[in-house]
Amino acid sequence: MRITVFGANGNVGSRVVTEALARGHRVTAVLRDPARPHRLPPSAVIAGGDARDPEDVRRLAADQDVLITATRPAPGHEDELAVATKGLLAGLTGTGVRLLVVGGAGSLALPGGDGRTVVDDPGFPAAWRPIADACREQLDLYRADAGVDWTYLSPAALLEPGERTGRYRLGRDELVVDAAGTSAISMEDLAVALLDEAEHPAHVRSRFTVAY
């Protein structure tokens, strides 16, 4: 497949690029400033672009099969996530290119069925609330859109660099936890799950989540 990745130099985006290339896909890695140093594999095609700009999105989606976005705004600029979401949707409307989104975990329902979400938990870190609220708005924007075949991947509650095991468990709108109540996955295995979805679409126009 031909895949474009926005946010390609980030912690998750760089792992998505690496995983896609390892599977033999042709990858265009999008950076806001392609002249700056990056840590991407040499087999990736480096391109400049901004997800907030629909014209950039449309240009970089041309002749592609899938566009993946793993963009994350800097602290204090969380409002940029909604702007980027609108840019991606506007740029992809009418192209037929599928959109896979690495989102947030804060809006996932906590196990137990009482309607509370991850961000409602008393132990949720206050410093993470701005990006969690931005990700909730991001998901709402996708759910309200009717012009793009999007898929939204919410990670586990704990997402850190680690090992690629190739295993994970799937969920929909509820946080996936293990027997001890822990919800975690490595960034490497999140990339595995995302590329599995790219290759075998199972959650078109819906959200899913993964954890060990």
C-alpha atoms as a PDB file:
ATOM      1  CA  MET A   1       0.000   0.000   0.000  1.00  0.00           C
ATOM      2  CA  ARG A   2       0.925   3.650  -0.359  1.00  0.00           C
ATOM      3  CA  ILE A   3       0.693   5.334   3.025  1.00  0.00           C
ATOM      4  CA  THR A   4       1.153   8.946   4.091  1.00  0.00           C
ATOM      5  CA  VAL A   5       1.925   9.611   7.764  1.00  0.00           C
ATOM      6  CA  PHE A   6       1.420  13.023   9.377  1.00  0.00           C
ATOM      7  CA  GLY A   7       3.275  13.533  12.648  1.00  0.00           C
ATOM      8  CA  ALA A   8       5.866  11.095  11.334  1.00  0.00           C
ATOM      9  CA  ASN A   9       8.715  12.327  13.541  1.00  0.00           C
ATOM     10  CA  GLY A  10       6.814  11.941  16.805  1.00  0.00           C
ATOM     11  CA  ASN A  11       7.086   9.098  19.291  1.00  0.00           C
ATOM     12  CA  VAL A  12       4.158   7.162  17.820  1.00  0.00           C
ATOM     13  CA  GLY A  13       4.424   8.444  14.249  1.00  0.00           C
ATOM     14  CA  SER A  14       8.033   7.340  13.844  1.00  0.00           C
ATOM     15  CA  ARG A  15       7.121   3.848  14.988  1.00  0.00           C
ATOM     16  CA  VAL A  16       4.196   3.765  12.573  1.00  0.00           C
ATOM     17  CA  VAL A  17       6.570   4.676   9.737  1.00  0.00           C
ATOM     18  CA  THR A  18       9.024   1.958  10.793  1.00  0.00           C
ATOM     19  CA  GLU A  19       6.292  -0.695  11.073  1.00  0.00           C
ATOM     20  CA  ALA A  20       4.776   0.217   7.701  1.00  0.00           C
ATOM     21  CA  LEU A  21       8.144   0.078   5.944  1.00  0.00           C
ATOM     22  CA  ALA A  22       8.946  -3.276   7.579  1.00  0.00           C
ATOM     23  CA  ARG A  23       5.754  -4.646   6.016  1.00  0.00           C
ATOM     24  CA  GLY A  24       6.812  -3.516   2.567  1.00  0.00           C
ATOM     25  CA  HIS A  25       4.539  -0.496   2.213  1.00  0.00           C
ATOM     26  CA  ARG A  26       5.589   2.715   0.455  1.00  0.00           C
ATOM     27  CA  VAL A  27       5.604   5.451   3.067  1.00  0.00           C
ATOM     28  CA  THR A  28       5.572   9.222   2.747  1.00  0.00           C
ATOM     29  CA  ALA A  29       6.571  10.733   6.088  1.00  0.00           C
ATOM     30  CA  VAL A  30       5.223  14.260   6.534  1.00  0.00           C
ATOM     31  CA  LEU A  31       7.093  16.814   8.633  1.00  0.00           C
ATOM     32  CA  ARG A  32       6.243  20.476   9.138  1.00  0.00           C
ATOM     33  CA  ASP A  33       9.889  21.316   8.445  1.00  0.00           C
ATOM     34  CA  PRO A  34      11.557  18.562   6.396  1.00  0.00           C
ATOM     35  CA  ALA A  35      14.902  20.383   6.585  1.00  0.00           C
ATOM     36  CA  ARG A  36      15.189  19.772  10.330  1.00  0.00           C
ATOM     37  CA  PRO A  37      17.014  16.649  11.592  1.00  0.00           C
ATOM     38  CA  HIS A  38      14.820  13.589  11.988  1.00  0.00           C
ATOM     39  CA  ARG A  39      15.174   9.954  13.026  1.00  0.00           C
ATOM     40  CA  LEU A  40      13.199   8.326  10.236  1.00  0.00           C
ATOM     41  CA  PRO A  41      14.423   5.375   8.137  1.00  0.00           C
ATOM     42  CA  PRO A  42      16.125   6.349   4.865  1.00  0.00           C
ATOM     43  CA  SER A  43      13.597   4.353   2.828  1.00  0.00           C
ATOM     44  CA  ALA A  44      10.798   6.734   3.842  1.00  0.00           C
ATOM     45  CA  VAL A  45       9.957   9.552   1.439  1.00  0.00           C
ATOM     46  CA  ILE A  46      10.225  12.794   3.410  1.00  0.00           C
ATOM     47  CA  ALA A  47       7.745  15.559   2.569  1.00  0.00           C
ATOM     48  CA  GLY A  48       6.797  18.892   4.054  1.00  0.00           C
ATOM     49  CA  GLY A  49       3.220  19.603   5.035  1.00  0.00           C
ATOM     50  CA  ASP A  50       0.821  20.709   7.737  1.00  0.00           C
ATOM     51  CA  ALA A  51      -2.297  18.768   8.713  1.00  0.00           C
ATOM     52  CA  ARG A  52      -4.029  22.074   9.490  1.00  0.00           C
ATOM     53  CA  ASP A  53      -3.883  23.034   5.807  1.00  0.00           C
ATOM     54  CA  PRO A  54      -6.481  21.220   3.651  1.00  0.00           C
ATOM     55  CA  GLU A  55      -4.458  21.915   0.494  1.00  0.00           C
ATOM     56  CA  ASP A  56      -1.385  20.239   2.016  1.00  0.00           C
ATOM     57  CA  VAL A  57      -3.531  17.286   3.052  1.00  0.00           C
ATOM     58  CA  ARG A  58      -5.066  16.913  -0.392  1.00  0.00           C
ATOM     59  CA  ARG A  59      -1.658  17.190  -2.099  1.00  0.00           C
ATOM     60  CA  LEU A  60      -0.053  14.586   0.147  1.00  0.00           C
ATOM     61  CA  ALA A  61      -3.035  12.232  -0.103  1.00  0.00           C
ATOM     62  CA  ALA A  62      -2.952  12.170  -3.902  1.00  0.00           C
ATOM     63  CA  ASP A  63      -2.521   8.606  -5.231  1.00  0.00           C
ATOM     64  CA  GLN A  64      -2.288   7.208  -1.693  1.00  0.00           C
ATOM     65  CA  ASP A  65      -4.314   4.366  -0.216  1.00  0.00           C
ATOM     66  CA  VAL A  66      -4.243   5.397   3.439  1.00  0.00           C
ATOM     67  CA  LEU A  67      -3.397   8.541   5.367  1.00  0.00           C
ATOM     68  CA  ILE A  68      -2.380   8.140   9.011  1.00  0.00           C
ATOM     69  CA  THR A  69      -2.216  11.007  11.459  1.00  0.00           C
ATOM     70  CA  ALA A  70      -0.291  10.772  14.728  1.00  0.00           C
ATOM     71  CA  THR A  71       0.035  14.511  15.313  1.00  0.00           C
ATOM     72  CA  ARG A  72       0.204  15.849  18.876  1.00  0.00           C
ATOM     73  CA  PRO A  73       0.221  19.569  19.706  1.00  0.00           C
ATOM     74  CA  ALA A  74       2.750  20.969  22.134  1.00  0.00           C
ATOM     75  CA  PRO A  75       1.533  21.652  25.696  1.00  0.00           C
ATOM     76  CA  GLY A  76      -0.396  24.892  25.752  1.00  0.00           C
ATOM     77  CA  HIS A  77      -1.431  24.509  22.112  1.00  0.00           C
ATOM     78  CA  GLU A  78      -4.013  21.769  22.493  1.00  0.00           C
ATOM     79  CA  ASP A  79      -6.533  23.777  20.482  1.00  0.00           C
ATOM     80  CA  GLU A  80      -4.431  23.045  17.385  1.00  0.00           C
ATOM     81  CA  LEU A  81      -5.686  19.444  17.443  1.00  0.00           C
ATOM     82  CA  ALA A  82      -9.205  20.486  16.414  1.00  0.00           C
ATOM     83  CA  VAL A  83      -7.760  22.734  13.690  1.00  0.00           C
ATOM     84  CA  ALA A  84      -5.699  19.834  12.335  1.00  0.00           C
ATOM     85  CA  THR A  85      -8.729  17.545  12.468  1.00  0.00           C
ATOM     86  CA  LYS A  86     -10.772  19.992  10.410  1.00  0.00           C
ATOM     87  CA  GLY A  87      -7.888  20.359   7.950  1.00  0.00           C
ATOM     88  CA  LEU A  88      -7.589  16.615   7.502  1.00  0.00           C
ATOM     89  CA  LEU A  89     -11.315  16.133   6.977  1.00  0.00           C
ATOM     90  CA  ALA A  90     -11.574  19.022   4.524  1.00  0.00           C
ATOM     91  CA  GLY A  91      -8.528  17.870   2.598  1.00  0.00           C
ATOM     92  CA  LEU A  92      -9.619  14.240   2.329  1.00  0.00           C
ATOM     93  CA  THR A  93     -13.279  14.792   1.463  1.00  0.00           C
ATOM     94  CA  GLY A  94     -13.930  13.413  -2.003  1.00  0.00           C
ATOM     95  CA  THR A  95     -10.525  11.720  -2.350  1.00  0.00           C
ATOM     96  CA  GLY A  96     -11.545   8.199  -1.309  1.00  0.00           C
ATOM     97  CA  VAL A  97      -8.388   7.945   0.818  1.00  0.00           C
ATOM     98  CA  ARG A  98      -8.937   6.231   4.159  1.00  0.00           C
ATOM     99  CA  LEU A  99      -7.895   8.088   7.322  1.00  0.00           C
ATOM    100  CA  LEU A 100      -6.474   6.346  10.395  1.00  0.00           C
ATOM    101  CA  VAL A 101      -6.165   8.503  13.495  1.00  0.00           C
ATOM    102  CA  VAL A 102      -4.056   7.945  16.600  1.00  0.00           C
ATOM    103  CA  GLY A 103      -6.227   9.586  19.239  1.00  0.00           C
ATOM    104  CA  GLY A 104      -6.490   9.695  23.001  1.00  0.00           C
ATOM    105  CA  ALA A 105      -7.658   7.348  25.735  1.00  0.00           C
ATOM    106  CA  GLY A 106      -9.403   9.863  28.004  1.00  0.00           C
ATOM    107  CA  SER A 107     -12.859   9.426  26.467  1.00  0.00           C
ATOM    108  CA  LEU A 108     -12.881   5.630  26.805  1.00  0.00           C
ATOM    109  CA  ALA A 109     -15.440   4.254  29.252  1.00  0.00           C
ATOM    110  CA  LEU A 110     -14.077   2.771  32.445  1.00  0.00           C
ATOM    111  CA  PRO A 111     -14.905  -0.916  32.943  1.00  0.00           C
ATOM    112  CA  GLY A 112     -17.965  -1.339  35.121  1.00  0.00           C
ATOM    113  CA  GLY A 113     -20.722   0.239  33.069  1.00  0.00           C
ATOM    114  CA  ASP A 114     -21.487   3.278  35.240  1.00  0.00           C
ATOM    115  CA  GLY A 115     -20.838   5.733  32.421  1.00  0.00           C
ATOM    116  CA  ARG A 116     -17.622   7.256  33.763  1.00  0.00           C
ATOM    117  CA  THR A 117     -14.700   7.721  31.411  1.00  0.00           C
ATOM    118  CA  VAL A 118     -10.950   7.561  31.965  1.00  0.00           C
ATOM    119  CA  VAL A 119     -10.742  11.329  32.383  1.00  0.00           C
ATOM    120  CA  ASP A 120     -13.451  11.150  35.098  1.00  0.00           C
ATOM    121  CA  ASP A 121     -11.306   8.961  37.317  1.00  0.00           C
ATOM    122  CA  PRO A 122     -10.175  10.842  40.450  1.00  0.00           C
ATOM    123  CA  GLY A 123      -6.611   9.727  39.812  1.00  0.00           C
ATOM    124  CA  PHE A 124      -6.451  11.159  36.307  1.00  0.00           C
ATOM    125  CA  PRO A 125      -3.480  13.580  36.182  1.00  0.00           C
ATOM    126  CA  ALA A 126      -4.568  17.212  35.979  1.00  0.00           C
ATOM    127  CA  ALA A 127      -1.665  17.976  33.632  1.00  0.00           C
ATOM    128  CA  TRP A 128      -3.119  15.575  31.053  1.00  0.00           C
ATOM    129  CA  ARG A 129      -6.632  17.022  31.104  1.00  0.00           C
ATOM    130  CA  PRO A 130      -6.081  19.673  28.369  1.00  0.00           C
ATOM    131  CA  ILE A 131      -4.909  17.113  25.800  1.00  0.00           C
ATOM    132  CA  ALA A 132      -7.602  14.647  26.924  1.00  0.00           C
ATOM    133  CA  ASP A 133     -10.291  17.287  26.377  1.00  0.00           C
ATOM    134  CA  ALA A 134      -8.764  18.154  22.994  1.00  0.00           C
ATOM    135  CA  CYS A 135      -8.834  14.478  21.981  1.00  0.00           C
ATOM    136  CA  ARG A 136     -12.472  14.216  23.031  1.00  0.00           C
ATOM    137  CA  GLU A 137     -13.297  17.168  20.771  1.00  0.00           C
ATOM    138  CA  GLN A 138     -11.216  15.542  18.037  1.00  0.00           C
ATOM    139  CA  LEU A 139     -13.259  12.331  18.219  1.00  0.00           C
ATOM    140  CA  ASP A 140     -16.527  14.294  18.215  1.00  0.00           C
ATOM    141  CA  LEU A 141     -15.446  16.044  15.008  1.00  0.00           C
ATOM    142  CA  TYR A 142     -14.773  12.718  13.307  1.00  0.00           C
ATOM    143  CA  ARG A 143     -18.062  11.243  14.463  1.00  0.00           C
ATOM    144  CA  ALA A 144     -19.924  14.235  13.045  1.00  0.00           C
ATOM    145  CA  ASP A 145     -18.260  13.927   9.626  1.00  0.00           C
ATOM    146  CA  ALA A 146     -19.952  12.129   6.739  1.00  0.00           C
ATOM    147  CA  GLY A 147     -17.403  12.647   3.963  1.00  0.00           C
ATOM    148  CA  VAL A 148     -14.344  10.609   4.997  1.00  0.00           C
ATOM    149  CA  ASP A 149     -13.799   6.940   5.864  1.00  0.00           C
ATOM    150  CA  TRP A 150     -12.016   7.506   9.165  1.00  0.00           C
ATOM    151  CA  THR A 151     -10.909   5.115  11.906  1.00  0.00           C
ATOM    152  CA  TYR A 152      -9.951   6.364  15.382  1.00  0.00           C
ATOM    153  CA  LEU A 153      -7.532   4.359  17.536  1.00  0.00           C
ATOM    154  CA  SER A 154      -7.523   5.122  21.253  1.00  0.00           C
ATOM    155  CA  PRO A 155      -4.440   3.704  22.956  1.00  0.00           C
ATOM    156  CA  ALA A 156      -4.341   2.041  26.342  1.00  0.00           C
ATOM    157  CA  ALA A 157      -4.166   4.304  29.405  1.00  0.00           C
ATOM    158  CA  LEU A 158      -0.410   3.767  29.628  1.00  0.00           C
ATOM    159  CA  LEU A 159       1.411   4.224  26.314  1.00  0.00           C
ATOM    160  CA  GLU A 160       5.199   4.133  26.427  1.00  0.00           C
ATOM    161  CA  PRO A 161       8.168   3.132  24.265  1.00  0.00           C
ATOM    162  CA  GLY A 162       8.893  -0.545  24.645  1.00  0.00           C
ATOM    163  CA  GLU A 163       9.043  -3.891  22.890  1.00  0.00           C
ATOM    164  CA  ARG A 164       7.307  -4.991  19.715  1.00  0.00           C
ATOM    165  CA  THR A 165       5.559  -8.238  20.646  1.00  0.00           C
ATOM    166  CA  GLY A 166       2.963  -8.246  17.872  1.00  0.00           C
ATOM    167  CA  ARG A 167       0.198  -9.071  20.334  1.00  0.00           C
ATOM    168  CA  TYR A 168      -2.641  -7.013  21.745  1.00  0.00           C
ATOM    169  CA  ARG A 169      -6.304  -7.254  22.704  1.00  0.00           C
ATOM    170  CA  LEU A 170      -9.031  -5.268  20.982  1.00  0.00           C
ATOM    171  CA  GLY A 171     -11.836  -3.177  22.406  1.00  0.00           C
ATOM    172  CA  ARG A 172     -14.306  -0.602  21.147  1.00  0.00           C
ATOM    173  CA  ASP A 173     -15.309   2.274  23.436  1.00  0.00           C
ATOM    174  CA  GLU A 174     -14.308   0.770  26.788  1.00  0.00           C
ATOM    175  CA  LEU A 175     -10.805   0.765  28.268  1.00  0.00           C
ATOM    176  CA  VAL A 176      -9.146  -2.647  27.906  1.00  0.00           C
ATOM    177  CA  VAL A 177      -7.531  -3.808  31.170  1.00  0.00           C
ATOM    178  CA  ASP A 178      -5.758  -6.952  32.301  1.00  0.00           C
ATOM    179  CA  ALA A 179      -6.576  -9.122  35.317  1.00  0.00           C
ATOM    180  CA  ALA A 180      -4.811  -6.656  37.607  1.00  0.00           C
ATOM    181  CA  GLY A 181      -6.795  -3.723  36.228  1.00  0.00           C
ATOM    182  CA  THR A 182      -3.825  -2.310  34.287  1.00  0.00           C
ATOM    183  CA  SER A 183      -4.276  -0.830  30.807  1.00  0.00           C
ATOM    184  CA  ALA A 184      -1.006  -0.578  28.893  1.00  0.00           C
ATOM    185  CA  ILE A 185       0.589  -1.072  25.503  1.00  0.00           C
ATOM    186  CA  SER A 186       3.920  -0.183  23.924  1.00  0.00           C
ATOM    187  CA  MET A 187       4.138   2.391  21.172  1.00  0.00           C
ATOM    188  CA  GLU A 188       5.597  -0.353  19.004  1.00  0.00           C
ATOM    189  CA  ASP A 189       2.555  -2.601  19.425  1.00  0.00           C
ATOM    190  CA  LEU A 190       0.197   0.341  18.960  1.00  0.00           C
ATOM    191  CA  ALA A 191       1.845   0.753  15.542  1.00  0.00           C
ATOM    192  CA  VAL A 192       1.308  -2.963  14.886  1.00  0.00           C
ATOM    193  CA  ALA A 193      -2.410  -2.617  15.655  1.00  0.00           C
ATOM    194  CA  LEU A 194      -2.711   0.466  13.465  1.00  0.00           C
ATOM    195  CA  LEU A 195      -1.045  -1.219  10.470  1.00  0.00           C
ATOM    196  CA  ASP A 196      -3.165  -4.325  10.995  1.00  0.00           C
ATOM    197  CA  GLU A 197      -6.214  -2.059  10.696  1.00  0.00           C
ATOM    198  CA  ALA A 198      -4.765  -0.391   7.600  1.00  0.00           C
ATOM    199  CA  GLU A 199      -4.267  -3.765   5.929  1.00  0.00           C
ATOM    200  CA  HIS A 200      -7.520  -5.355   7.124  1.00  0.00           C
ATOM    201  CA  PRO A 201     -10.132  -2.630   7.803  1.00  0.00           C
ATOM    202  CA  ALA A 202     -12.479  -3.659  10.601  1.00  0.00           C
ATOM    203  CA  HIS A 203     -13.400  -0.352  12.250  1.00  0.00           C
ATOM    204  CA  VAL A 204     -14.366   2.003   9.431  1.00  0.00           C
ATOM    205  CA  ARG A 205     -16.085   5.152  10.724  1.00  0.00           C
ATOM    206  CA  SER A 206     -15.684   3.979  14.296  1.00  0.00           C
ATOM    207  CA  ARG A 207     -13.303   3.971  17.250  1.00  0.00           C
ATOM    208  CA  PHE A 208     -11.357   1.037  18.617  1.00  0.00           C
ATOM    209  CA  THR A 209      -8.783   0.572  21.340  1.00  0.00           C
ATOM    210  CA  VAL A 210      -5.984  -1.859  22.119  1.00  0.00           C
ATOM    211  CA  ALA A 211      -4.068  -3.018  25.180  1.00  0.00           C
ATOM    212  CA  TYR A 212      -2.267  -6.083  26.448  1.00  0.00           C
END
